[in-house]
Amino acid sequence: MSQDRVFATYHIETPYDLEYAAKVMAGEQSTGTFIAVPGETEELKDKFSAKVVSIEELEVVSTPTLPGSQPPKGSNESISYHRGKVVLSFPLHNFGPSIPNLLATVAGNLYELREFSGLRLMDLELPHAFMEKYPGPKFGIEGTRKLANVYNRPFIGTIVKPSIGLTPDDLRGVVRDLALAGIDFIKDDELNANPPYAPLKDRVKAVMEEIERVADKTGKKVMYAFNITDDIDQLERNHETVVKAGGNCVMVGINSVGLAGVAHLRKYSEVPIHGHRNQWGAMTRCPQLGMEFTAYQKMCRLAGVDHLHCNAIDSKFYESNESVIKSVKDCITPMFDGYTVMPVLSSGQWAGTAPDSYSSMETIDVMHLAGGGIIGHPGGSEAGVKSMIQGWEAAVSGVPLHEYAKTHFELAQAIEKFGK
C-alpha cells in the first residue's frame, strides 16, 4: 500500500453513472467546486485531488434508499439507482496523520451530496504515519490478560444493574457479591458516569474498598471499568480519581467524547480503556448510510481503546449474527502488525451462547458479559459465573452443551433457566 495516501472504500447508491458519481465524491472531498475558480490550476489539482482507484457495479434498484437525492436533469420518471463499490485515495499531505481531519476527509460532506441516495464508508487503509502519531492500544488483549491474570479462556464479566439509581452503599453489596463469585470483570453502565446521586469519586471509593477486601481474601482482584465519560477537561481528573484508588480500568463512551477525546485520554491513561460504542446504531443501522464497523474499529484502535463493544450472538439488538462475527474478527486482526483490541460481547448473553460464539468467532480472546445470565442464575452469581466458564469449556472442547451439563450442575441449571 502507498505510504503517502489514504484509501477509503465506499458503498454508494446514485441515480447517476457510477463513474461520474465517484468523480463527484473525489472532487467534493479534495479540490473540487461546482465551477472552476481562480487558483484551481491543473498542477494544484494533480497534487491535491483525490483519485478514483476503482469502481465495481453491484446492482440496480428502482427506488432510492434515502430522501433528497436529485436525479440528472432531463431524467424521465423511471429512474434507475446504481449501487456500487468505490475506492478513493486521498493524498496524506492534504490533512496529515490526524484522526479528526481524516474523518472530515473520508466521512465529511459526502453524506449530504444530492448526487447520492445512499453512501456508506466501508473500510480504510492508512499509511504508517498514523502509527507514528497514534500508538494505539496500550494494553490490548495481552496486557489486559496480564493485568487481570486471566488466561486460556474468555473474560467473564457483567454490567452493574439497575443502570441508574444505585447509591454507593447499594453498589457495595452488588460488587462484593460479584467479586466473591469469582467474576473477572465488572463495568459501569454507559448511563452511569458522574451523576449527582452517586458521584464518581464516591462510587470509586465504595467499589475499590470492596474489591480490595475480597482480593485480600481470595487473591483475585476483579477488573472494574469505571465510566469516566465527561467533558474533555474532566477526563484526566476522572482517570486520576480511579487510578489513585487502585482502580484497574476506565470506560469511555467513544462517540460521546469523540475519537480525539479517546486519543487524549490514551496519552496519560495508566489502565486499560474500555471503549463503549453507544450511539453506534445511529451511525450504522441503515445499510446504505453511515459507516461499517470495519472502518470504525480501525479508528477506535488508532485512538487507543483496549476493549471494544461488538454486540453478541443472538443479542437483543438489531444487528445480525453475521455482522457481530465479522466485527469480532476485525478487532483481533492485526493492524500495523499489532493494535489488536479485546472484543466485548454483551446483551442477552448466558452460558448457552458460548458454543455458537466460539464456533463462529474461532477465538477465546473476548470479554463475554452477561447480566441476567449471571446475576439471574437460580444458584446465584457464583453459580452464574461457573456456568459461563463451563459453557466455554464445553465449546472449546467440542462437547455438546447438554452433554457437558450432565456433569456440571451450574451449567445444567443455566440451561433449565435460560435455555427455553
Protein backbone atom coordinates (compact mmCIF):
# COMPACT_ATOMS: atom_id res chain seq x y z
CA MET A 1 0.00 0.00 0.00
CA SER A 2 1.17 3.52 -0.79
CA GLN A 3 2.51 5.23 2.34
CA ASP A 4 1.58 8.72 1.15
CA ARG A 5 -2.12 8.15 0.52
CA VAL A 6 -5.21 7.05 2.46
CA PHE A 7 -7.51 4.57 0.72
CA ALA A 8 -11.23 4.63 1.53
CA THR A 9 -13.78 2.10 0.32
CA TYR A 10 -17.43 3.10 -0.05
CA HIS A 11 -20.75 1.52 -0.91
CA ILE A 12 -22.79 4.05 -2.89
CA GLU A 13 -26.24 4.37 -4.43
CA THR A 14 -26.84 7.03 -7.06
CA PRO A 15 -29.17 7.95 -9.94
CA TYR A 16 -26.04 8.95 -11.89
CA ASP A 17 -23.50 6.90 -13.73
CA LEU A 18 -21.13 5.36 -11.14
CA GLU A 19 -18.03 6.85 -12.75
CA TYR A 20 -19.50 10.34 -12.63
CA ALA A 21 -20.67 9.88 -9.03
CA ALA A 22 -17.23 8.68 -7.95
CA LYS A 23 -15.61 11.76 -9.50
CA VAL A 24 -18.08 13.97 -7.62
CA MET A 25 -17.04 12.29 -4.36
CA ALA A 26 -13.35 12.74 -5.07
CA GLY A 27 -13.78 16.37 -6.03
CA GLU A 28 -16.01 17.31 -3.10
CA GLN A 29 -13.56 15.92 -0.57
CA SER A 30 -10.43 17.47 -2.06
CA THR A 31 -10.01 20.31 -4.58
CA GLY A 32 -13.36 20.41 -6.37
CA THR A 33 -16.09 23.01 -6.53
CA PHE A 34 -19.19 23.08 -8.72
CA ILE A 35 -17.49 25.53 -11.09
CA ALA A 36 -13.86 26.33 -11.87
CA VAL A 37 -12.44 29.10 -9.66
CA PRO A 38 -9.31 31.28 -9.82
CA GLY A 39 -6.30 29.44 -8.41
CA GLU A 40 -7.65 26.00 -9.28
CA THR A 41 -4.79 25.07 -11.57
CA GLU A 42 -4.17 21.68 -13.13
CA GLU A 43 -0.92 21.46 -11.16
CA LEU A 44 -2.76 22.07 -7.91
CA LYS A 45 -5.44 19.52 -8.74
CA ASP A 46 -2.86 16.93 -9.72
CA LYS A 47 -1.04 17.33 -6.39
CA PHE A 48 -4.00 17.62 -4.01
CA SER A 49 -7.04 15.99 -5.58
CA ALA A 50 -8.45 12.67 -4.52
CA LYS A 51 -8.23 9.88 -7.09
CA VAL A 52 -10.79 7.28 -8.12
CA VAL A 53 -8.94 3.99 -7.69
CA SER A 54 -11.65 1.52 -8.67
CA ILE A 55 -15.37 1.18 -9.34
CA GLU A 56 -17.38 -2.03 -9.14
CA GLU A 57 -21.04 -2.06 -10.15
CA LEU A 58 -23.15 -4.18 -7.82
CA GLU A 59 -26.84 -3.85 -8.67
CA VAL A 60 -29.52 -1.50 -9.96
CA VAL A 61 -32.67 -0.68 -7.97
CA SER A 62 -35.76 1.32 -8.86
CA THR A 63 -36.35 3.09 -5.54
CA PRO A 64 -33.89 5.35 -3.69
CA THR A 65 -32.97 4.37 -0.14
CA LEU A 66 -32.56 7.89 1.24
CA PRO A 67 -34.55 11.06 0.56
CA GLY A 68 -33.06 14.16 -1.01
CA SER A 69 -31.21 12.78 -3.99
CA GLN A 70 -31.52 14.82 -7.20
CA PRO A 71 -31.61 12.87 -10.47
CA PRO A 72 -29.82 14.21 -13.55
CA LYS A 73 -31.65 16.97 -15.39
CA GLY A 74 -33.95 15.72 -18.08
CA SER A 75 -34.37 12.29 -16.50
CA ASN A 76 -37.63 10.54 -17.21
CA GLU A 77 -39.89 9.17 -14.49
CA SER A 78 -38.39 5.67 -14.50
CA ILE A 79 -35.07 6.48 -12.86
CA SER A 80 -32.62 3.72 -12.04
CA TYR A 81 -30.40 3.87 -8.96
CA HIS A 82 -26.98 2.31 -9.33
CA ARG A 83 -25.25 0.67 -6.39
CA GLY A 84 -21.54 0.11 -6.43
CA LYS A 85 -18.29 -0.28 -4.56
CA VAL A 86 -15.95 2.67 -4.98
CA VAL A 87 -12.38 3.05 -3.74
CA LEU A 88 -10.90 6.56 -3.47
CA SER A 89 -7.41 7.57 -2.46
CA PHE A 90 -6.52 10.85 -0.76
CA PRO A 91 -3.05 12.41 -0.53
CA LEU A 92 -1.85 12.28 3.07
CA HIS A 93 -0.37 15.78 2.70
CA ASN A 94 -3.94 17.16 2.40
CA PHE A 95 -4.61 16.58 6.12
CA GLY A 96 -1.69 14.77 7.77
CA PRO A 97 -1.88 11.96 10.34
CA SER A 98 -4.82 13.45 12.25
CA ILE A 99 -7.92 11.41 13.13
CA PRO A 100 -10.28 14.44 13.24
CA ASN A 101 -9.10 15.67 9.85
CA LEU A 102 -9.11 12.15 8.45
CA LEU A 103 -12.79 11.94 9.37
CA ALA A 104 -13.53 15.29 7.75
CA THR A 105 -11.96 13.94 4.57
CA VAL A 106 -13.34 10.40 4.28
CA ALA A 107 -16.67 10.94 6.03
CA GLY A 108 -17.40 14.64 5.76
CA ASN A 109 -19.84 16.35 3.41
CA LEU A 110 -20.19 13.26 1.26
CA TYR A 111 -23.35 12.19 3.07
CA GLU A 112 -25.13 15.39 2.06
CA LEU A 113 -24.44 15.37 -1.66
CA ARG A 114 -27.59 15.41 -3.80
CA GLU A 115 -26.00 13.02 -6.28
CA PHE A 116 -26.41 10.17 -3.80
CA SER A 117 -29.36 8.26 -2.37
CA GLY A 118 -27.00 6.10 -0.32
CA LEU A 119 -23.39 6.33 0.82
CA ARG A 120 -21.51 4.27 3.39
CA LEU A 121 -17.84 4.22 4.41
CA MET A 122 -16.85 0.55 4.41
CA ASP A 123 -13.11 0.37 5.09
CA LEU A 124 -9.91 2.38 5.44
CA GLU A 125 -6.28 1.65 4.66
CA LEU A 126 -3.96 4.02 6.49
CA PRO A 127 -0.26 4.77 5.97
CA HIS A 128 2.32 4.23 8.72
CA ALA A 129 2.41 7.95 9.51
CA PHE A 130 -0.73 7.38 11.63
CA MET A 131 1.07 4.70 13.63
CA GLU A 132 3.90 7.12 14.34
CA LYS A 133 1.46 9.65 15.81
CA TYR A 134 -1.08 7.33 17.46
CA PRO A 135 0.46 4.45 19.45
CA GLY A 136 -2.84 2.56 19.63
CA PRO A 137 -3.96 0.29 22.49
CA LYS A 138 -1.63 0.50 25.46
CA PHE A 139 -2.75 -2.83 26.92
CA GLY A 140 -4.84 -4.60 24.29
CA ILE A 141 -5.58 -8.29 24.66
CA GLU A 142 -2.30 -9.48 26.19
CA GLY A 143 -1.89 -6.52 28.52
CA THR A 144 -5.44 -6.89 29.79
CA ARG A 145 -4.92 -10.61 30.43
CA LYS A 146 -1.69 -9.95 32.30
CA LEU A 147 -3.22 -7.23 34.47
CA ALA A 148 -6.22 -9.37 35.42
CA ASN A 149 -4.33 -12.70 35.42
CA VAL A 150 -6.96 -14.37 33.22
CA TYR A 151 -5.57 -16.82 30.68
CA ASN A 152 -6.70 -19.65 28.37
CA ARG A 153 -10.36 -18.63 28.35
CA PRO A 154 -12.55 -15.58 27.76
CA PHE A 155 -13.03 -12.90 30.39
CA ILE A 156 -16.32 -13.49 32.15
CA GLY A 157 -17.99 -10.27 33.19
CA THR A 158 -21.17 -8.38 33.89
CA ILE A 159 -22.71 -4.90 33.94
CA VAL A 160 -23.99 -3.22 37.09
CA LYS A 161 -27.79 -3.16 37.09
CA PRO A 162 -30.05 -1.31 37.73
CA SER A 163 -28.35 1.01 35.22
CA ILE A 164 -29.05 4.06 37.34
CA GLY A 165 -30.37 4.65 40.84
CA LEU A 166 -27.98 2.63 42.99
CA THR A 167 -26.29 4.67 45.72
CA PRO A 168 -22.63 3.99 46.51
CA ASP A 169 -23.75 1.96 49.54
CA ASP A 170 -26.12 -0.09 47.37
CA LEU A 171 -23.30 -0.63 44.91
CA ARG A 172 -21.04 -2.02 47.62
CA GLY A 173 -23.23 -5.07 48.10
CA VAL A 174 -23.54 -5.77 44.38
CA VAL A 175 -19.78 -5.55 43.82
CA ARG A 176 -18.96 -7.59 46.91
CA ASP A 177 -21.24 -10.44 45.81
CA LEU A 178 -19.86 -10.46 42.27
CA ALA A 179 -16.24 -10.32 43.42
CA LEU A 180 -16.81 -13.20 45.84
CA ALA A 181 -18.45 -15.10 42.97
CA GLY A 182 -15.09 -15.13 41.17
CA ILE A 183 -16.05 -12.90 38.27
CA ASP A 184 -13.23 -11.45 36.15
CA PHE A 185 -14.71 -8.14 35.06
CA ILE A 186 -17.45 -5.68 36.06
CA LYS A 187 -18.37 -2.49 34.24
CA ASP A 188 -20.48 0.54 34.93
CA ASP A 189 -23.43 1.04 32.64
CA GLU A 190 -22.90 3.71 29.99
CA LEU A 191 -25.77 5.69 31.54
CA ASN A 192 -23.98 6.00 34.86
CA ALA A 193 -20.93 8.28 34.80
CA ASN A 194 -20.84 11.09 37.36
CA PRO A 195 -24.46 11.69 38.44
CA PRO A 196 -25.44 13.83 41.44
CA TYR A 197 -27.00 10.86 43.29
CA ALA A 198 -23.80 8.78 43.03
CA PRO A 199 -20.76 10.93 42.22
CA LEU A 200 -17.87 9.12 40.57
CA LYS A 201 -15.48 9.75 43.48
CA ASP A 202 -17.93 8.15 45.91
CA ARG A 203 -18.58 5.17 43.62
CA VAL A 204 -14.87 4.62 43.10
CA LYS A 205 -14.23 4.64 46.84
CA ALA A 206 -17.05 2.20 47.57
CA VAL A 207 -16.22 -0.19 44.74
CA MET A 208 -12.47 -0.31 45.29
CA GLU A 209 -12.81 -0.87 49.03
CA GLU A 210 -14.95 -3.94 48.33
CA ILE A 211 -12.73 -5.22 45.52
CA GLU A 212 -9.57 -4.87 47.63
CA ARG A 213 -11.27 -6.51 50.62
CA VAL A 214 -12.30 -9.52 48.51
CA ALA A 215 -8.86 -9.66 46.84
CA ASP A 216 -7.21 -9.88 50.26
CA LYS A 217 -9.42 -12.87 50.98
CA THR A 218 -9.36 -14.70 47.64
CA GLY A 219 -6.21 -13.46 45.92
CA LYS A 220 -8.22 -12.38 42.86
CA LYS A 221 -8.63 -8.68 42.07
CA VAL A 222 -11.60 -8.03 39.83
CA MET A 223 -11.14 -5.64 36.91
CA TYR A 224 -13.74 -2.87 37.21
CA ALA A 225 -14.34 -0.44 34.34
CA PHE A 226 -15.45 2.87 35.85
CA ASN A 227 -17.35 5.06 33.41
CA ILE A 228 -15.35 8.30 33.32
CA THR A 229 -17.09 9.75 30.25
CA ASP A 230 -17.25 13.53 30.61
CA ASP A 231 -16.14 16.80 29.07
CA ILE A 232 -12.56 16.61 27.80
CA ASP A 233 -11.10 18.75 30.58
CA GLN A 234 -12.69 16.45 33.18
CA LEU A 235 -11.45 13.16 31.69
CA GLU A 236 -7.99 13.39 33.20
CA ARG A 237 -9.36 14.24 36.66
CA ASN A 238 -11.77 11.30 36.47
CA HIS A 239 -8.98 8.98 35.39
CA GLU A 240 -6.82 10.19 38.26
CA THR A 241 -9.65 9.50 40.72
CA VAL A 242 -9.79 5.88 39.57
CA VAL A 243 -6.04 5.25 39.50
CA LYS A 244 -5.39 6.85 42.90
CA ALA A 245 -7.95 4.49 44.44
CA GLY A 246 -6.22 1.44 42.95
CA GLY A 247 -8.62 1.03 40.04
CA ASN A 248 -7.51 -1.05 37.07
CA CYS A 249 -9.77 0.02 34.18
CA VAL A 250 -11.71 3.03 32.89
CA MET A 251 -14.60 3.10 30.46
CA VAL A 252 -15.37 5.87 27.99
CA GLY A 253 -18.23 6.46 25.56
CA ILE A 254 -16.25 6.75 22.31
CA ASN A 255 -18.90 8.65 20.38
CA SER A 256 -19.70 10.90 23.34
CA VAL A 257 -16.16 12.24 23.77
CA GLY A 258 -15.11 11.71 20.15
CA LEU A 259 -12.09 9.87 18.81
CA ALA A 260 -9.89 12.88 19.61
CA GLY A 261 -11.12 12.68 23.20
CA VAL A 262 -10.17 8.99 23.35
CA ALA A 263 -6.72 9.76 21.91
CA HIS A 264 -6.32 12.49 24.53
CA LEU A 265 -7.18 10.01 27.31
CA ARG A 266 -4.76 7.44 25.85
CA LYS A 267 -1.84 9.88 26.29
CA TYR A 268 -1.94 9.64 30.08
CA SER A 269 -4.01 6.55 30.86
CA GLU A 270 -2.31 4.13 33.23
CA VAL A 271 -5.00 1.45 32.95
CA PRO A 272 -6.90 -0.21 30.06
CA ILE A 273 -9.52 1.88 28.25
CA HIS A 274 -12.83 0.05 27.85
CA GLY A 275 -14.44 1.52 24.72
CA HIS A 276 -18.24 1.68 24.66
CA ARG A 277 -19.80 2.47 21.29
CA ASN A 278 -23.22 3.80 22.42
CA GLN A 279 -24.84 5.85 19.64
CA TRP A 280 -23.26 3.48 17.13
CA GLY A 281 -26.67 2.39 15.84
CA ALA A 282 -27.34 5.91 14.56
CA MET A 283 -24.15 5.69 12.53
CA THR A 284 -24.66 2.25 11.03
CA ARG A 285 -28.19 0.85 11.21
CA CYS A 286 -29.22 1.94 7.72
CA PRO A 287 -27.22 -0.33 5.36
CA GLN A 288 -26.95 2.43 2.74
CA LEU A 289 -25.74 5.16 5.11
CA GLY A 290 -23.07 5.91 7.69
CA MET A 291 -20.17 3.62 8.41
CA GLU A 292 -19.27 -0.05 8.52
CA PHE A 293 -17.74 -1.33 11.76
CA THR A 294 -14.65 -2.42 9.81
CA ALA A 295 -13.73 1.23 9.26
CA TYR A 296 -14.93 2.41 12.68
CA GLN A 297 -12.95 -0.10 14.74
CA LYS A 298 -9.72 0.82 12.96
CA MET A 299 -10.09 4.42 14.08
CA CYS A 300 -11.04 3.32 17.62
CA ARG A 301 -7.91 1.18 17.81
CA LEU A 302 -5.82 4.00 16.44
CA ALA A 303 -7.21 6.33 19.13
CA GLY A 304 -6.20 3.81 21.80
CA VAL A 305 -9.10 1.76 23.17
CA ASP A 306 -8.08 -1.60 24.65
CA HIS A 307 -11.56 -3.19 24.67
CA LEU A 308 -14.35 -2.52 22.16
CA HIS A 309 -18.03 -3.45 22.23
CA CYS A 310 -19.27 -5.60 19.32
CA ASN A 311 -22.78 -6.73 20.40
CA ALA A 312 -23.10 -10.53 20.59
CA ILE A 313 -24.64 -13.68 19.14
CA ASP A 314 -28.45 -13.70 19.45
CA SER A 315 -28.46 -10.37 21.28
CA LYS A 316 -31.45 -8.10 21.95
CA PHE A 317 -30.21 -5.57 19.40
CA TYR A 318 -30.96 -5.40 15.67
CA GLU A 319 -27.53 -6.50 14.46
CA SER A 320 -27.24 -9.82 12.65
CA ASN A 321 -25.04 -12.61 14.00
CA GLU A 322 -23.01 -12.46 10.79
CA SER A 323 -22.23 -8.79 11.42
CA VAL A 324 -21.23 -9.48 15.03
CA ILE A 325 -18.92 -12.31 13.98
CA LYS A 326 -17.24 -10.10 11.39
CA SER A 327 -16.85 -7.32 13.97
CA VAL A 328 -15.05 -9.63 16.39
CA LYS A 329 -12.74 -10.92 13.67
CA ASP A 330 -11.99 -7.34 12.59
CA CYS A 331 -10.95 -6.42 16.15
CA ILE A 332 -8.48 -9.27 16.51
CA THR A 333 -6.99 -8.91 13.02
CA PRO A 334 -3.67 -7.07 13.45
CA MET A 335 -3.38 -3.50 12.19
CA PHE A 336 0.14 -2.14 11.60
CA ASP A 337 1.25 -5.63 12.75
CA GLY A 338 -0.42 -5.05 16.13
CA TYR A 339 -3.04 -2.74 17.62
CA THR A 340 -5.31 -5.69 18.50
CA VAL A 341 -8.22 -4.88 20.79
CA MET A 342 -10.30 -7.14 23.06
CA PRO A 343 -13.80 -7.61 21.56
CA VAL A 344 -16.61 -7.27 24.10
CA LEU A 345 -19.74 -9.42 23.74
CA SER A 346 -22.84 -8.34 25.64
CA SER A 347 -26.65 -8.20 25.55
CA GLY A 348 -28.87 -11.21 26.13
CA GLN A 349 -25.94 -13.49 26.94
CA TRP A 350 -25.74 -16.64 29.08
CA ALA A 351 -23.68 -19.84 29.17
CA GLY A 352 -25.60 -21.28 26.23
CA THR A 353 -24.37 -18.62 23.82
CA ALA A 354 -20.74 -19.71 24.29
CA PRO A 355 -20.72 -22.65 21.81
CA ASP A 356 -22.07 -20.64 18.87
CA SER A 357 -19.80 -17.73 19.77
CA TYR A 358 -16.70 -19.90 19.80
CA SER A 359 -17.51 -21.96 16.70
CA SER A 360 -18.25 -18.86 14.63
CA MET A 361 -15.65 -16.42 16.02
CA GLU A 362 -12.88 -19.02 16.46
CA THR A 363 -11.29 -17.22 19.39
CA ILE A 364 -11.28 -17.13 23.18
CA ASP A 365 -9.89 -13.60 23.16
CA VAL A 366 -13.20 -11.97 24.06
CA MET A 367 -14.93 -10.47 27.07
CA HIS A 368 -18.23 -12.29 27.46
CA LEU A 369 -20.56 -10.14 29.57
CA ALA A 370 -23.84 -11.40 30.95
CA GLY A 371 -26.22 -9.53 33.24
CA GLY A 372 -29.20 -11.73 33.97
CA GLY A 373 -27.26 -14.74 32.70
CA ILE A 374 -25.02 -14.43 35.78
CA ILE A 375 -26.91 -12.46 38.41
CA GLY A 376 -30.23 -14.10 37.49
CA HIS A 377 -28.83 -17.65 37.67
CA PRO A 378 -31.02 -19.78 40.01
CA GLY A 379 -27.94 -20.75 42.02
CA GLY A 380 -26.84 -17.14 42.49
CA SER A 381 -23.99 -15.13 41.00
CA GLU A 382 -21.24 -17.62 41.84
CA ALA A 383 -23.12 -20.38 40.06
CA GLY A 384 -23.78 -17.96 37.21
CA VAL A 385 -20.06 -17.30 36.76
CA LYS A 386 -19.29 -21.01 36.91
CA SER A 387 -21.95 -21.75 34.32
CA MET A 388 -20.42 -19.22 31.92
CA ILE A 389 -16.97 -20.76 32.31
CA GLN A 390 -18.46 -24.24 31.86
CA GLY A 391 -20.26 -23.11 28.72
CA TRP A 392 -16.93 -22.04 27.22
CA GLU A 393 -15.22 -25.22 28.40
CA ALA A 394 -17.84 -27.21 26.53
CA ALA A 395 -17.45 -25.01 23.47
CA VAL A 396 -13.66 -25.24 23.30
CA SER A 397 -13.59 -28.99 23.96
CA GLY A 398 -16.25 -29.62 21.32
CA VAL A 399 -18.60 -31.37 23.74
CA PRO A 400 -22.32 -30.64 23.17
CA LEU A 401 -23.69 -28.28 25.82
CA HIS A 402 -26.32 -30.70 27.17
CA GLU A 403 -23.74 -33.50 27.35
CA TYR A 404 -21.31 -31.31 29.32
CA ALA A 405 -24.13 -30.24 31.62
CA LYS A 406 -24.63 -33.83 32.80
CA THR A 407 -21.50 -33.49 34.95
CA HIS A 408 -21.64 -29.72 35.56
CA PHE A 409 -24.55 -28.75 37.76
CA GLU A 410 -24.33 -24.96 37.31
CA LEU A 411 -24.48 -25.30 33.54
CA ALA A 412 -27.45 -27.64 33.83
CA GLN A 413 -29.23 -25.06 35.99
CA ALA A 414 -28.49 -22.34 33.42
CA ILE A 415 -29.92 -24.47 30.60
CA GLU A 416 -33.04 -25.14 32.63
CA LYS A 417 -33.47 -21.43 33.40
CA PHE A 418 -32.39 -19.70 30.20
CA GLY A 419 -32.39 -22.41 27.54
CA LYS A 420 -36.10 -22.18 26.92
